[in-house]
């Protein structure tokens, strides 16, 4: 009887223990997790990082390494990764924005370790950084100065919104200059016999094409004028010396339709010559940067071409207002203007002055309107290089055709260069 009672008690005790066994196991697991967590915090507070690469370390023991956060060993350290390894590592550490195109991201890793010894290797880098990472690090754990350059194409391919991209800086397409009133950096060849365009002469920058493609300026003289009139030839040579290919009408008539057609013929010739294999101007003319300009009657013809021809990128109109002009040009051309234009007239020009002012008031396109104090209808064209008109024209074309933003302040703002004596300037919608 005693034996049976003992067995009953033993069996009851074992049942109770078996019911408590899962709780005991769970308690042991929790204690192990707390111990591991406490050990990780102690390692972080010590200011070192674990290395898994030291072969002399006992199994399961991590050794501290020194160096910067890029994990790169000092120069000359054994096991240092070559440049291709560093590039691959940098690519992996970028935030998750999609895989960048080959060759654009991570081509060079500029981060280097501050110290190191033989046998130490780079610490494997995390693919993402904790939110409470150390200050001075980017989201990938790299110091800002260690990040490789990222191109605009890379950012676009990574899906970065345009608002977060840095704007591209546009460089002028022609050599820099300081004073547009002085002769430019190019010598000029004048060609009076032009195959396929015998009504025009060319003013060609020397060594054409040596600085890339040249913008084009189409010129038309005043009523009944020629290249030998006034200082037209000197003025056009000055324009060409700054890198612009000038195509100039040899002699003008009083027929407005003929002068407008002459400008269109010059544009078509430039397009054809740029595409003619083996020609002197093959792929040397910038057909996306074509301007028209003229004096008096030539200015009126330029209104027609600028309004009707899609190839015109800008225009300059000297002493040739269109509105209410007695010559009879179509005022409706003004309403069709679309490209930026400069209206330059003389303060004492009784012939075109009133029409110039009306043109500025009514033009729908971006316009600069400059009045040269004391100048007559012939204006500075009696001066070498076109005087103030030559200076203003080079500045305008440097900005509008050559992309030289350093000349924007010649025409923008209340204190623009051509808003000061002897000029009075106004502008609308220019940027």
Protein backbone atom coordinates (compact mmCIF):
# COMPACT_ATOMS: atom_id res chain seq x y z
CA UNK A 1 0.00 0.00 0.00
CA UNK A 2 2.83 2.40 0.82
CA UNK A 3 4.47 1.64 -2.54
CA UNK A 4 1.29 2.40 -4.42
CA UNK A 5 0.84 5.68 -2.55
CA UNK A 6 4.41 6.74 -3.32
CA UNK A 7 3.89 6.04 -7.00
CA UNK A 8 0.73 8.13 -7.06
CA UNK A 9 2.56 11.04 -5.45
CA UNK A 10 5.52 10.71 -7.87
CA UNK A 11 3.27 10.58 -10.91
CA UNK A 12 1.34 13.65 -9.76
CA UNK A 13 4.59 15.61 -9.22
CA UNK A 14 5.93 14.70 -12.66
CA UNK A 15 2.67 15.88 -14.25
CA UNK A 16 3.00 19.23 -12.56
CA UNK A 17 6.66 19.52 -13.67
CA UNK A 18 5.78 18.63 -17.28
CA UNK A 19 3.21 21.43 -17.33
CA UNK A 20 5.84 23.92 -16.12
CA UNK A 21 8.57 22.75 -18.54
CA UNK A 22 7.56 25.03 -21.53
CA UNK A 23 7.61 28.04 -19.22
CA UNK A 24 11.10 27.13 -18.07
CA UNK A 25 12.32 26.82 -21.69
CA UNK A 26 10.81 30.23 -22.59
CA UNK A 27 12.49 31.82 -19.58
CA UNK A 28 15.88 30.39 -20.63
CA UNK A 29 15.44 31.78 -24.20
CA UNK A 30 14.60 35.25 -22.87
CA UNK A 31 17.68 35.23 -20.67
CA UNK A 32 19.88 34.29 -23.66
CA UNK A 33 18.41 37.13 -25.79
CA UNK A 34 18.99 39.68 -23.03
CA UNK A 35 22.58 38.51 -22.65
CA UNK A 36 23.26 38.88 -26.39
CA UNK A 37 21.65 42.33 -26.51
CA UNK A 38 23.69 43.49 -23.50
CA UNK A 39 26.89 42.29 -25.17
CA UNK A 40 26.06 44.21 -28.40
CA UNK A 41 25.45 47.44 -26.53
CA UNK A 42 28.79 47.08 -24.73
CA UNK A 43 30.57 46.65 -28.10
CA UNK A 44 28.86 49.76 -29.56
CA UNK A 45 29.72 51.89 -26.53
CA UNK A 46 33.39 50.90 -26.79
CA UNK A 47 33.75 52.94 -30.05
CA UNK A 48 35.08 50.00 -32.10
CA UNK A 49 33.64 47.78 -34.79
CA UNK A 50 33.90 44.00 -34.94
CA UNK A 51 36.01 42.31 -37.57
CA UNK A 52 35.38 38.80 -38.78
CA UNK A 53 38.57 38.61 -40.72
CA UNK A 54 41.41 38.15 -38.20
CA UNK A 55 42.49 34.50 -38.53
CA UNK A 56 44.29 34.65 -35.16
CA UNK A 57 41.07 35.31 -33.21
CA UNK A 58 39.56 32.42 -31.31
CA UNK A 59 36.45 30.90 -32.78
CA UNK A 60 33.40 33.07 -32.09
CA UNK A 61 35.48 36.07 -30.90
CA UNK A 62 35.46 39.35 -32.85
CA UNK A 63 38.44 41.68 -33.00
CA UNK A 64 38.18 45.52 -33.15
CA UNK A 65 39.53 47.41 -36.17
CA UNK A 66 40.30 51.09 -36.64
CA UNK A 67 39.78 53.33 -39.64
CA UNK A 68 37.05 55.54 -41.09
CA UNK A 69 33.46 54.51 -41.59
CA UNK A 70 34.03 53.52 -45.20
CA UNK A 71 35.82 50.41 -43.91
CA UNK A 72 38.81 50.94 -46.20
CA UNK A 73 42.21 49.86 -44.74
CA UNK A 74 45.19 52.17 -44.85
CA UNK A 75 47.23 52.39 -48.03
CA UNK A 76 49.47 49.37 -48.38
CA UNK A 77 47.56 47.21 -45.91
CA UNK A 78 47.27 43.56 -46.80
CA UNK A 79 43.92 42.58 -48.19
CA UNK A 80 43.13 46.12 -49.42
CA UNK A 81 40.45 45.92 -52.15
CA UNK A 82 41.36 47.19 -55.60
CA UNK A 83 39.48 50.01 -57.31
CA UNK A 84 36.93 47.72 -58.92
CA UNK A 85 36.06 46.19 -55.50
CA UNK A 86 35.60 49.66 -54.05
CA UNK A 87 33.37 50.68 -56.95
CA UNK A 88 31.22 47.58 -56.44
CA UNK A 89 30.95 48.28 -52.71
CA UNK A 90 29.97 51.91 -53.30
CA UNK A 91 27.23 50.85 -55.70
CA UNK A 92 25.80 48.42 -53.14
CA UNK A 93 25.75 51.07 -50.43
CA UNK A 94 23.60 53.55 -52.35
CA UNK A 95 20.04 53.97 -51.01
CA UNK A 96 17.45 51.77 -52.67
CA UNK A 97 16.68 53.85 -55.77
CA UNK A 98 17.18 51.25 -58.44
CA UNK A 99 20.39 49.98 -59.96
CA UNK A 100 22.45 52.85 -61.48
CA UNK A 101 23.83 52.57 -65.00
CA UNK A 102 27.26 51.02 -65.28
CA UNK A 103 30.12 53.51 -65.22
CA UNK A 104 28.13 56.43 -63.79
CA UNK A 105 28.06 55.66 -60.11
CA UNK A 106 30.79 54.43 -57.81
CA UNK A 107 33.56 54.60 -60.41
CA UNK A 108 35.87 55.95 -57.71
CA UNK A 109 35.72 55.72 -53.93
CA UNK A 110 37.57 58.69 -52.47
CA UNK A 111 37.34 57.53 -48.84
CA UNK A 112 40.54 56.09 -47.30
CA UNK A 113 41.20 54.60 -43.88
CA UNK A 114 43.02 56.70 -41.32
CA UNK A 115 45.08 53.80 -40.02
CA UNK A 116 45.46 50.03 -40.37
CA UNK A 117 47.85 47.13 -40.16
CA UNK A 118 48.75 44.04 -42.13
CA UNK A 119 46.14 41.33 -41.98
CA UNK A 120 43.20 43.75 -41.56
CA UNK A 121 40.56 43.80 -44.27
CA UNK A 122 37.63 46.06 -45.02
CA UNK A 123 34.65 45.69 -42.72
CA UNK A 124 31.57 44.52 -44.67
CA UNK A 125 29.35 47.57 -45.18
CA UNK A 126 25.62 47.60 -44.36
CA UNK A 127 23.13 47.97 -47.19
CA UNK A 128 21.16 50.50 -45.17
CA UNK A 129 21.93 52.78 -42.25
CA UNK A 130 20.09 52.92 -38.91
CA UNK A 131 18.01 56.01 -38.35
CA UNK A 132 20.16 57.02 -35.36
CA UNK A 133 23.45 56.72 -37.24
CA UNK A 134 26.40 58.96 -36.38
CA UNK A 135 26.32 62.58 -37.54
CA UNK A 136 28.34 63.45 -40.64
CA UNK A 137 27.39 60.18 -42.40
CA UNK A 138 24.98 59.80 -45.27
CA UNK A 139 22.18 57.22 -45.43
CA UNK A 140 24.60 54.60 -46.77
CA UNK A 141 27.10 54.99 -43.92
CA UNK A 142 29.64 56.89 -46.05
CA UNK A 143 31.25 60.20 -45.17
CA UNK A 144 30.00 62.93 -47.58
CA UNK A 145 33.48 63.51 -48.99
CA UNK A 146 33.76 59.78 -49.79
CA UNK A 147 30.69 59.69 -52.01
CA UNK A 148 31.42 59.30 -55.73
CA UNK A 149 30.00 61.91 -58.12
CA UNK A 150 26.53 61.21 -59.47
CA UNK A 151 25.58 62.41 -62.95
CA UNK A 152 22.23 63.86 -64.00
CA UNK A 153 21.57 60.77 -66.12
CA UNK A 154 22.14 58.57 -63.05
CA UNK A 155 19.65 60.55 -60.98
CA UNK A 156 17.05 60.39 -63.76
CA UNK A 157 17.49 56.63 -64.12
CA UNK A 158 17.15 56.26 -60.35
CA UNK A 159 13.74 57.93 -60.45
CA UNK A 160 14.77 61.09 -58.62
CA UNK A 161 12.21 63.88 -59.23
CA UNK A 162 13.49 66.76 -61.41
CA UNK A 163 12.94 69.18 -58.51
CA UNK A 164 15.63 67.37 -56.52
CA UNK A 165 18.21 67.44 -59.30
CA UNK A 166 20.82 70.16 -59.54
CA UNK A 167 20.42 72.25 -62.72
CA UNK A 168 22.96 71.68 -65.39
CA UNK A 169 25.37 74.51 -66.04
CA UNK A 170 25.49 75.58 -69.66
CA UNK A 171 28.86 76.69 -70.99
CA UNK A 172 29.14 79.34 -73.75
CA UNK A 173 29.78 77.78 -77.15
CA UNK A 174 32.35 80.46 -78.10
CA UNK A 175 35.61 81.59 -76.46
CA UNK A 176 35.10 84.07 -73.59
CA UNK A 177 35.43 87.81 -74.14
CA UNK A 178 35.54 90.84 -71.85
CA UNK A 179 34.52 93.84 -73.96
CA UNK A 180 32.07 93.41 -76.87
CA UNK A 181 33.13 96.79 -78.23
CA UNK A 182 36.59 95.41 -78.99
CA UNK A 183 37.45 93.05 -81.83
CA UNK A 184 36.79 89.40 -81.07
CA UNK A 185 39.14 86.40 -80.84
CA UNK A 186 38.68 85.38 -84.50
CA UNK A 187 40.22 86.75 -87.65
CA UNK A 188 37.69 87.27 -90.44
CA UNK A 189 37.69 86.25 -94.09
CA UNK A 190 35.33 88.09 -96.44
CA UNK A 191 34.02 86.04 -99.37
CA UNK A 192 32.14 87.96 -102.06
CA UNK A 193 31.62 85.09 -104.52
CA UNK A 194 29.41 82.50 -102.88
CA UNK A 195 28.37 79.42 -104.82
CA UNK A 196 24.63 79.08 -104.73
CA UNK A 197 24.09 82.53 -103.19
CA UNK A 198 25.61 85.14 -105.48
CA UNK A 199 23.45 87.93 -104.01
CA UNK A 200 25.32 87.72 -100.70
CA UNK A 201 28.78 88.02 -99.19
CA UNK A 202 30.12 85.99 -96.30
CA UNK A 203 32.05 87.24 -93.27
CA UNK A 204 33.62 84.03 -91.98
CA UNK A 205 35.52 83.53 -88.70
CA UNK A 206 38.94 82.11 -89.57
CA UNK A 207 39.70 78.44 -88.98
CA UNK A 208 35.97 77.84 -89.20
CA UNK A 209 34.79 74.95 -87.07
CA UNK A 210 37.83 74.97 -84.77
CA UNK A 211 35.60 75.86 -81.80
CA UNK A 212 32.62 73.79 -82.85
CA UNK A 213 29.67 74.94 -84.92
CA UNK A 214 29.16 78.64 -85.56
CA UNK A 215 25.89 80.51 -84.99
CA UNK A 216 24.60 82.39 -88.06
CA UNK A 217 23.60 86.04 -88.49
CA UNK A 218 21.67 87.11 -91.61
CA UNK A 219 22.04 90.81 -92.51
CA UNK A 220 20.06 93.18 -94.77
CA UNK A 221 21.12 96.79 -95.53
CA UNK A 222 18.97 99.89 -95.42
CA UNK A 223 16.90 101.09 -98.37
CA UNK A 224 19.14 101.18 -101.46
CA UNK A 225 22.24 100.54 -99.37
CA UNK A 226 25.17 98.21 -99.98
CA UNK A 227 28.03 96.76 -98.00
CA UNK A 228 30.12 99.75 -98.98
CA UNK A 229 27.53 102.13 -97.48
CA UNK A 230 28.22 103.75 -94.13
CA UNK A 231 30.25 101.39 -91.91
CA UNK A 232 28.18 98.27 -92.65
CA UNK A 233 31.20 96.18 -93.69
CA UNK A 234 33.18 97.25 -90.61
CA UNK A 235 30.19 96.48 -88.39
CA UNK A 236 29.69 93.00 -89.91
CA UNK A 237 33.41 92.20 -89.68
CA UNK A 238 33.19 93.05 -86.00
CA UNK A 239 30.27 90.65 -85.50
CA UNK A 240 32.12 87.85 -87.33
CA UNK A 241 35.27 88.39 -85.27
CA UNK A 242 33.31 87.16 -82.27
CA UNK A 243 32.63 83.80 -83.88
CA UNK A 244 29.38 84.41 -85.77
CA UNK A 245 29.07 83.44 -89.44
CA UNK A 246 27.57 86.51 -91.14
CA UNK A 247 25.63 86.13 -94.41
CA UNK A 248 25.08 89.66 -95.75
CA UNK A 249 22.99 90.98 -98.61
CA UNK A 250 25.37 92.78 -101.01
CA UNK A 251 22.90 95.48 -102.02
CA UNK A 252 19.34 96.24 -101.03
CA UNK A 253 16.42 97.54 -103.05
CA UNK A 254 13.28 99.29 -101.94
CA UNK A 255 11.18 96.19 -102.67
CA UNK A 256 10.10 94.85 -99.30
CA UNK A 257 9.08 91.43 -100.59
CA UNK A 258 12.46 90.96 -102.31
CA UNK A 259 14.42 91.76 -99.15
CA UNK A 260 12.38 89.36 -97.02
CA UNK A 261 12.84 86.64 -99.65
CA UNK A 262 16.57 87.38 -99.69
CA UNK A 263 16.83 86.59 -95.97
CA UNK A 264 14.93 83.32 -96.42
CA UNK A 265 17.29 82.35 -99.26
CA UNK A 266 20.28 82.96 -96.97
CA UNK A 267 18.79 80.72 -94.28
CA UNK A 268 18.11 77.94 -96.80
CA UNK A 269 21.70 78.21 -98.08
CA UNK A 270 23.08 77.83 -94.53
CA UNK A 271 20.94 74.74 -93.92
CA UNK A 272 22.03 73.21 -97.22
CA UNK A 273 25.74 73.94 -96.79
CA UNK A 274 25.80 72.52 -93.28
CA UNK A 275 24.44 69.24 -94.69
CA UNK A 276 26.58 69.14 -97.87
CA UNK A 277 29.22 66.46 -97.45
CA UNK A 278 32.66 67.69 -98.45
CA UNK A 279 31.69 71.38 -98.39
CA UNK A 280 33.65 74.04 -96.52
CA UNK A 281 30.83 74.39 -93.97
CA UNK A 282 29.83 70.74 -93.62
CA UNK A 283 28.58 70.29 -90.04
CA UNK A 284 30.21 73.60 -89.05
CA UNK A 285 27.06 75.74 -88.98
CA UNK A 286 24.79 75.73 -85.94
CA UNK A 287 21.43 75.61 -87.70
CA UNK A 288 19.60 75.85 -84.35
CA UNK A 289 21.14 79.29 -83.68
CA UNK A 290 20.19 81.56 -86.58
CA UNK A 291 19.48 85.28 -86.23
CA UNK A 292 18.22 87.90 -88.65
CA UNK A 293 18.94 91.63 -88.41
CA UNK A 294 18.92 94.73 -90.54
CA UNK A 295 18.98 98.51 -90.61
CA UNK A 296 15.96 100.60 -91.56
CA UNK A 297 14.36 98.76 -94.51
CA UNK A 298 16.48 95.72 -93.57
CA UNK A 299 14.96 95.84 -90.09
CA UNK A 300 11.46 95.73 -91.56
CA UNK A 301 12.37 92.71 -93.68
CA UNK A 302 13.69 91.05 -90.51
CA UNK A 303 10.25 91.39 -88.91
CA UNK A 304 8.79 89.29 -91.74
CA UNK A 305 11.45 86.58 -91.50
CA UNK A 306 11.44 86.43 -87.70
CA UNK A 307 7.66 86.07 -87.70
CA UNK A 308 7.35 83.51 -90.50
CA UNK A 309 10.51 81.39 -90.44
CA UNK A 310 10.80 78.62 -87.86
CA UNK A 311 14.60 78.58 -87.98
CA UNK A 312 14.99 82.09 -86.56
CA UNK A 313 16.10 81.98 -82.91
CA UNK A 314 16.39 85.75 -82.37
CA UNK A 315 16.47 89.06 -84.24
CA UNK A 316 17.82 92.62 -83.94
CA UNK A 317 16.03 95.59 -85.52
CA UNK A 318 18.06 98.79 -85.97
CA UNK A 319 16.12 102.02 -86.61
CA UNK A 320 13.30 100.22 -88.38
CA UNK A 321 9.98 100.34 -86.52
CA UNK A 322 7.18 98.37 -88.17
CA UNK A 323 3.99 99.83 -86.70
CA UNK A 324 2.44 102.60 -88.89
CA UNK A 325 5.56 102.66 -91.08
CA UNK A 326 4.84 104.57 -94.32
CA UNK A 327 6.86 102.08 -96.41
CA UNK A 328 3.89 99.74 -96.20
CA UNK A 329 5.15 96.59 -94.51
CA UNK A 330 2.50 94.42 -92.94
CA UNK A 331 1.87 95.39 -89.33
CA UNK A 332 0.44 91.92 -88.73
CA UNK A 333 3.99 90.49 -88.75
CA UNK A 334 4.49 91.97 -85.31
CA UNK A 335 1.68 89.83 -83.89
CA UNK A 336 3.44 86.70 -85.20
CA UNK A 337 6.77 87.40 -83.51
CA UNK A 338 7.77 84.57 -81.15
CA UNK A 339 11.54 84.59 -80.61
CA UNK A 340 13.38 87.08 -78.34
CA UNK A 341 14.19 90.33 -80.17
CA UNK A 342 16.07 93.58 -79.60
CA UNK A 343 14.66 96.86 -80.94
CA UNK A 344 17.50 99.43 -81.05
CA UNK A 345 16.73 102.94 -82.21
CA UNK A 346 18.20 106.45 -82.05
CA UNK A 347 16.88 109.08 -79.67
CA UNK A 348 16.89 111.67 -82.46
CA UNK A 349 15.49 109.35 -85.15
CA UNK A 350 12.49 111.21 -86.55
CA UNK A 351 12.07 108.56 -89.28
CA UNK A 352 11.64 105.38 -87.24
CA UNK A 353 11.63 106.51 -83.61
CA UNK A 354 7.85 106.73 -83.05
CA UNK A 355 7.29 103.33 -84.69
CA UNK A 356 10.02 101.71 -82.55
CA UNK A 357 8.20 102.75 -79.40
CA UNK A 358 4.89 101.39 -80.67
CA UNK A 359 6.52 98.12 -81.68
CA UNK A 360 7.75 97.59 -78.14
CA UNK A 361 4.31 98.33 -76.71
CA UNK A 362 2.57 95.86 -79.02
CA UNK A 363 5.07 93.01 -79.54
CA UNK A 364 3.90 89.69 -78.03
CA UNK A 365 7.40 88.17 -77.82
CA UNK A 366 10.21 88.77 -75.28
CA UNK A 367 11.77 92.13 -76.21
CA UNK A 368 14.54 94.50 -75.20
CA UNK A 369 13.96 98.09 -76.35
CA UNK A 370 17.01 100.33 -76.31
CA UNK A 371 17.13 103.99 -77.27
CA UNK A 372 20.58 105.45 -77.94
CA UNK A 373 20.59 109.06 -76.80
CA UNK A 374 21.42 111.64 -79.48
CA UNK A 375 21.58 109.10 -82.34
CA UNK A 376 19.96 109.84 -85.69
CA UNK A 377 18.41 107.38 -88.16
CA UNK A 378 21.86 106.46 -89.49
CA UNK A 379 23.07 106.32 -85.92
CA UNK A 380 26.38 104.65 -85.05
CA UNK A 381 26.64 103.08 -88.50
CA UNK A 382 28.80 106.05 -89.43
CA UNK A 383 31.33 104.89 -86.77
CA UNK A 384 33.93 102.09 -87.06
CA UNK A 385 32.61 98.66 -86.02
CA UNK A 386 29.14 100.16 -85.82
CA UNK A 387 29.97 102.08 -82.65
CA UNK A 388 27.43 101.50 -79.89
CA UNK A 389 25.31 99.33 -82.19
CA UNK A 390 28.24 96.97 -82.74
CA UNK A 391 28.85 96.74 -78.99
CA UNK A 392 25.17 96.06 -78.26
CA UNK A 393 24.78 93.50 -81.06
CA UNK A 394 27.76 91.40 -79.91
CA UNK A 395 26.48 91.43 -76.32
CA UNK A 396 22.98 90.35 -77.47
CA UNK A 397 24.29 87.52 -79.67
CA UNK A 398 26.72 86.33 -76.99
CA UNK A 399 23.71 85.92 -74.71
CA UNK A 400 21.00 84.78 -77.12
CA UNK A 401 23.02 82.71 -79.62
CA UNK A 402 26.16 81.65 -77.77
CA UNK A 403 24.53 80.94 -74.40
CA UNK A 404 26.86 83.29 -72.51
CA UNK A 405 24.87 84.18 -69.38
CA UNK A 406 27.50 86.73 -68.33
CA UNK A 407 25.86 89.13 -70.82
CA UNK A 408 22.32 88.68 -69.48
CA UNK A 409 22.73 91.69 -67.19
CA UNK A 410 23.33 93.86 -70.23
CA UNK A 411 19.61 93.58 -70.92
CA UNK A 412 17.87 92.47 -67.70
CA UNK A 413 16.86 94.58 -64.71
CA UNK A 414 16.44 98.28 -64.09
CA UNK A 415 20.20 98.75 -63.82
CA UNK A 416 21.13 96.77 -66.94
CA UNK A 417 24.21 97.88 -68.87
CA UNK A 418 22.12 99.19 -71.78
CA UNK A 419 19.82 100.96 -69.34
CA UNK A 420 22.57 103.43 -68.51
CA UNK A 421 23.76 106.50 -70.40
CA UNK A 422 23.99 106.96 -73.31
CA UNK A 423 21.24 104.31 -73.48
CA UNK A 424 17.72 104.15 -72.13
CA UNK A 425 16.52 100.59 -71.90
CA UNK A 426 13.31 98.70 -71.21
CA UNK A 427 12.56 95.00 -71.39
CA UNK A 428 9.58 92.67 -71.23
CA UNK A 429 9.38 88.90 -70.65
CA UNK A 430 13.11 88.33 -71.07
CA UNK A 431 14.76 85.76 -68.81
